[in-house]
Amino acid sequence: MSYVLFCVRAERSHKAANCVMSQLMLRDATKAPELFEKSMKVYLNLAEAEVAKHYNFVKSVDVESLESYRKA
């Protein structure tokens, strides 16, 4: 598995889920801000932290340690 492919797989599913959920929260908050605005802000903060977490993980893995992540 190449380093680039490893990085893509590590982030892809979480980014997609956070994008979809953020879009849904934004849609709901736009329709009924009194019900969903606070939830949207909380979720967006969570999503931002999740993206940062995955980014930091990928940046911390070096090419030499990839063998440890391969299936046996």
N, C-alpha and C. Protein backbone atom coordinates (compact mmCIF):
# COMPACT_ATOMS: atom_id res chain seq x y z
N MET A 1 0.87 -1.17 0.00
CA MET A 1 0.00 0.00 0.00
C MET A 1 0.92 1.24 0.00
N SER A 2 0.63 2.16 -0.87
CA SER A 2 1.46 3.36 -0.94
C SER A 2 1.13 4.31 0.20
N TYR A 3 2.04 5.20 0.47
CA TYR A 3 1.85 6.18 1.54
C TYR A 3 0.65 7.07 1.25
N VAL A 4 0.50 7.50 0.01
CA VAL A 4 -0.62 8.37 -0.37
C VAL A 4 -1.94 7.63 -0.18
N LEU A 5 -2.01 6.39 -0.60
CA LEU A 5 -3.24 5.60 -0.44
C LEU A 5 -3.56 5.41 1.04
N PHE A 6 -2.55 5.17 1.84
CA PHE A 6 -2.75 5.05 3.28
C PHE A 6 -3.38 6.32 3.84
N CYS A 7 -2.85 7.46 3.46
CA CYS A 7 -3.36 8.74 3.95
C CYS A 7 -4.79 8.97 3.52
N VAL A 8 -5.10 8.64 2.30
CA VAL A 8 -6.45 8.83 1.78
C VAL A 8 -7.43 7.95 2.55
N ARG A 9 -7.08 6.70 2.75
CA ARG A 9 -7.98 5.79 3.46
C ARG A 9 -8.17 6.20 4.92
N ALA A 10 -7.15 6.74 5.53
CA ALA A 10 -7.24 7.12 6.94
C ALA A 10 -8.23 8.26 7.17
N GLU A 11 -8.40 9.11 6.18
CA GLU A 11 -9.24 10.29 6.37
C GLU A 11 -10.57 10.25 5.62
N ARG A 12 -10.66 9.51 4.58
CA ARG A 12 -11.78 9.57 3.65
C ARG A 12 -13.15 9.37 4.30
N SER A 13 -13.33 8.31 5.02
CA SER A 13 -14.67 8.03 5.55
C SER A 13 -15.10 9.04 6.61
N HIS A 14 -14.18 9.45 7.45
CA HIS A 14 -14.54 10.42 8.50
C HIS A 14 -14.84 11.78 7.92
N LYS A 15 -14.06 12.19 6.94
CA LYS A 15 -14.32 13.48 6.31
C LYS A 15 -15.69 13.48 5.63
N ALA A 16 -15.99 12.41 4.93
CA ALA A 16 -17.28 12.34 4.24
C ALA A 16 -18.44 12.38 5.22
N ALA A 17 -18.33 11.62 6.30
CA ALA A 17 -19.40 11.60 7.29
C ALA A 17 -19.57 12.97 7.95
N ASN A 18 -18.47 13.61 8.28
CA ASN A 18 -18.55 14.94 8.88
C ASN A 18 -19.13 15.97 7.92
N CYS A 19 -18.79 15.87 6.65
CA CYS A 19 -19.34 16.80 5.66
C CYS A 19 -20.85 16.62 5.51
N VAL A 20 -21.28 15.38 5.41
CA VAL A 20 -22.71 15.11 5.26
C VAL A 20 -23.48 15.57 6.49
N MET A 21 -23.00 15.21 7.66
CA MET A 21 -23.70 15.58 8.88
C MET A 21 -23.71 17.09 9.08
N SER A 22 -22.61 17.75 8.76
CA SER A 22 -22.56 19.21 8.87
C SER A 22 -23.56 19.86 7.93
N GLN A 23 -23.67 19.33 6.73
CA GLN A 23 -24.63 19.86 5.77
C GLN A 23 -26.07 19.67 6.28
N LEU A 24 -26.36 18.52 6.84
CA LEU A 24 -27.69 18.27 7.38
C LEU A 24 -28.00 19.19 8.56
N MET A 25 -27.02 19.38 9.43
CA MET A 25 -27.21 20.27 10.57
C MET A 25 -27.43 21.71 10.11
N LEU A 26 -26.67 22.13 9.11
CA LEU A 26 -26.83 23.48 8.57
C LEU A 26 -28.22 23.67 7.96
N ARG A 27 -28.68 22.66 7.25
CA ARG A 27 -30.02 22.72 6.65
C ARG A 27 -31.09 22.85 7.73
N ASP A 28 -30.98 22.05 8.77
CA ASP A 28 -31.96 22.12 9.86
C ASP A 28 -31.88 23.45 10.60
N ALA A 29 -30.67 23.94 10.83
CA ALA A 29 -30.50 25.21 11.55
C ALA A 29 -31.02 26.38 10.73
N THR A 30 -30.95 26.26 9.42
CA THR A 30 -31.48 27.32 8.56
C THR A 30 -33.00 27.35 8.61
N LYS A 31 -33.61 26.17 8.67
CA LYS A 31 -35.08 26.09 8.71
C LYS A 31 -35.65 26.47 10.08
N ALA A 32 -34.97 26.06 11.14
CA ALA A 32 -35.48 26.31 12.49
C ALA A 32 -34.31 26.64 13.42
N PRO A 33 -33.78 27.86 13.33
CA PRO A 33 -32.60 28.20 14.13
C PRO A 33 -32.81 28.06 15.63
N GLU A 34 -34.02 28.30 16.10
CA GLU A 34 -34.27 28.20 17.54
C GLU A 34 -34.12 26.77 18.04
N LEU A 35 -34.26 25.80 17.15
CA LEU A 35 -34.14 24.40 17.55
C LEU A 35 -32.75 23.81 17.29
N PHE A 36 -32.09 24.25 16.23
CA PHE A 36 -30.89 23.55 15.79
C PHE A 36 -29.60 24.37 15.76
N GLU A 37 -29.68 25.67 16.01
CA GLU A 37 -28.47 26.49 15.89
C GLU A 37 -27.37 26.07 16.86
N LYS A 38 -27.72 25.84 18.12
CA LYS A 38 -26.72 25.44 19.11
C LYS A 38 -26.13 24.06 18.76
N SER A 39 -27.00 23.15 18.35
CA SER A 39 -26.52 21.81 17.98
C SER A 39 -25.57 21.88 16.80
N MET A 40 -25.90 22.73 15.83
CA MET A 40 -25.04 22.88 14.67
C MET A 40 -23.66 23.40 15.09
N LYS A 41 -23.62 24.39 15.94
CA LYS A 41 -22.34 24.94 16.39
C LYS A 41 -21.51 23.90 17.13
N VAL A 42 -22.16 23.13 17.98
CA VAL A 42 -21.47 22.07 18.72
C VAL A 42 -20.93 21.03 17.76
N TYR A 43 -21.75 20.59 16.80
CA TYR A 43 -21.31 19.56 15.87
C TYR A 43 -20.18 20.06 14.98
N LEU A 44 -20.27 21.29 14.51
CA LEU A 44 -19.21 21.83 13.67
C LEU A 44 -17.88 21.91 14.43
N ASN A 45 -17.93 22.25 15.71
CA ASN A 45 -16.71 22.23 16.52
C ASN A 45 -16.16 20.81 16.63
N LEU A 46 -17.04 19.85 16.82
CA LEU A 46 -16.62 18.45 16.89
C LEU A 46 -16.02 18.00 15.56
N ALA A 47 -16.69 18.32 14.48
CA ALA A 47 -16.20 17.91 13.15
C ALA A 47 -14.84 18.52 12.87
N GLU A 48 -14.67 19.77 13.23
CA GLU A 48 -13.38 20.43 13.02
C GLU A 48 -12.28 19.73 13.83
N ALA A 49 -12.58 19.37 15.05
CA ALA A 49 -11.61 18.66 15.88
C ALA A 49 -11.28 17.28 15.32
N GLU A 50 -12.28 16.60 14.78
CA GLU A 50 -12.06 15.28 14.18
C GLU A 50 -11.15 15.38 12.96
N VAL A 51 -11.40 16.36 12.12
CA VAL A 51 -10.56 16.55 10.93
C VAL A 51 -9.13 16.85 11.35
N ALA A 52 -8.95 17.70 12.35
CA ALA A 52 -7.61 18.02 12.84
C ALA A 52 -6.94 16.77 13.41
N LYS A 53 -7.69 15.94 14.10
CA LYS A 53 -7.14 14.71 14.68
C LYS A 53 -6.60 13.79 13.59
N HIS A 54 -7.39 13.59 12.55
CA HIS A 54 -6.96 12.71 11.45
C HIS A 54 -5.79 13.31 10.68
N TYR A 55 -5.82 14.61 10.49
CA TYR A 55 -4.71 15.28 9.82
C TYR A 55 -3.42 15.08 10.60
N ASN A 56 -3.49 15.28 11.90
CA ASN A 56 -2.29 15.13 12.74
C ASN A 56 -1.80 13.69 12.75
N PHE A 57 -2.71 12.73 12.74
CA PHE A 57 -2.30 11.32 12.69
C PHE A 57 -1.56 11.02 11.40
N VAL A 58 -2.13 11.44 10.29
CA VAL A 58 -1.51 11.17 8.99
C VAL A 58 -0.15 11.86 8.90
N LYS A 59 -0.06 13.08 9.40
CA LYS A 59 1.21 13.79 9.35
C LYS A 59 2.27 13.14 10.24
N SER A 60 1.84 12.42 11.28
CA SER A 60 2.81 11.82 12.21
C SER A 60 3.36 10.48 11.71
N VAL A 61 2.71 9.86 10.75
CA VAL A 61 3.16 8.57 10.24
C VAL A 61 4.22 8.81 9.17
N ASP A 62 5.35 8.15 9.35
CA ASP A 62 6.38 8.27 8.32
C ASP A 62 6.39 7.02 7.45
N VAL A 63 6.99 7.15 6.30
CA VAL A 63 6.98 6.08 5.30
C VAL A 63 7.59 4.81 5.86
N GLU A 64 8.63 4.93 6.68
CA GLU A 64 9.32 3.74 7.22
C GLU A 64 8.43 2.92 8.15
N SER A 65 7.47 3.55 8.82
CA SER A 65 6.63 2.82 9.77
C SER A 65 5.37 2.23 9.13
N LEU A 66 5.20 2.40 7.83
CA LEU A 66 4.00 1.87 7.17
C LEU A 66 3.89 0.35 7.29
N GLU A 67 4.99 -0.34 7.33
CA GLU A 67 4.95 -1.80 7.43
C GLU A 67 4.17 -2.24 8.66
N SER A 68 4.21 -1.47 9.72
CA SER A 68 3.49 -1.81 10.94
C SER A 68 1.97 -1.76 10.76
N TYR A 69 1.52 -1.01 9.77
CA TYR A 69 0.08 -0.84 9.55
C TYR A 69 -0.49 -1.83 8.54
N ARG A 70 0.34 -2.63 7.92
CA ARG A 70 -0.13 -3.60 6.93
C ARG A 70 -0.70 -4.83 7.61
N LYS A 71 -1.65 -5.46 6.93
CA LYS A 71 -2.23 -6.70 7.45
C LYS A 71 -1.21 -7.81 7.38
N ALA A 72 -1.27 -8.68 8.35
CA ALA A 72 -0.32 -9.81 8.38
C ALA A 72 -0.76 -10.88 7.42
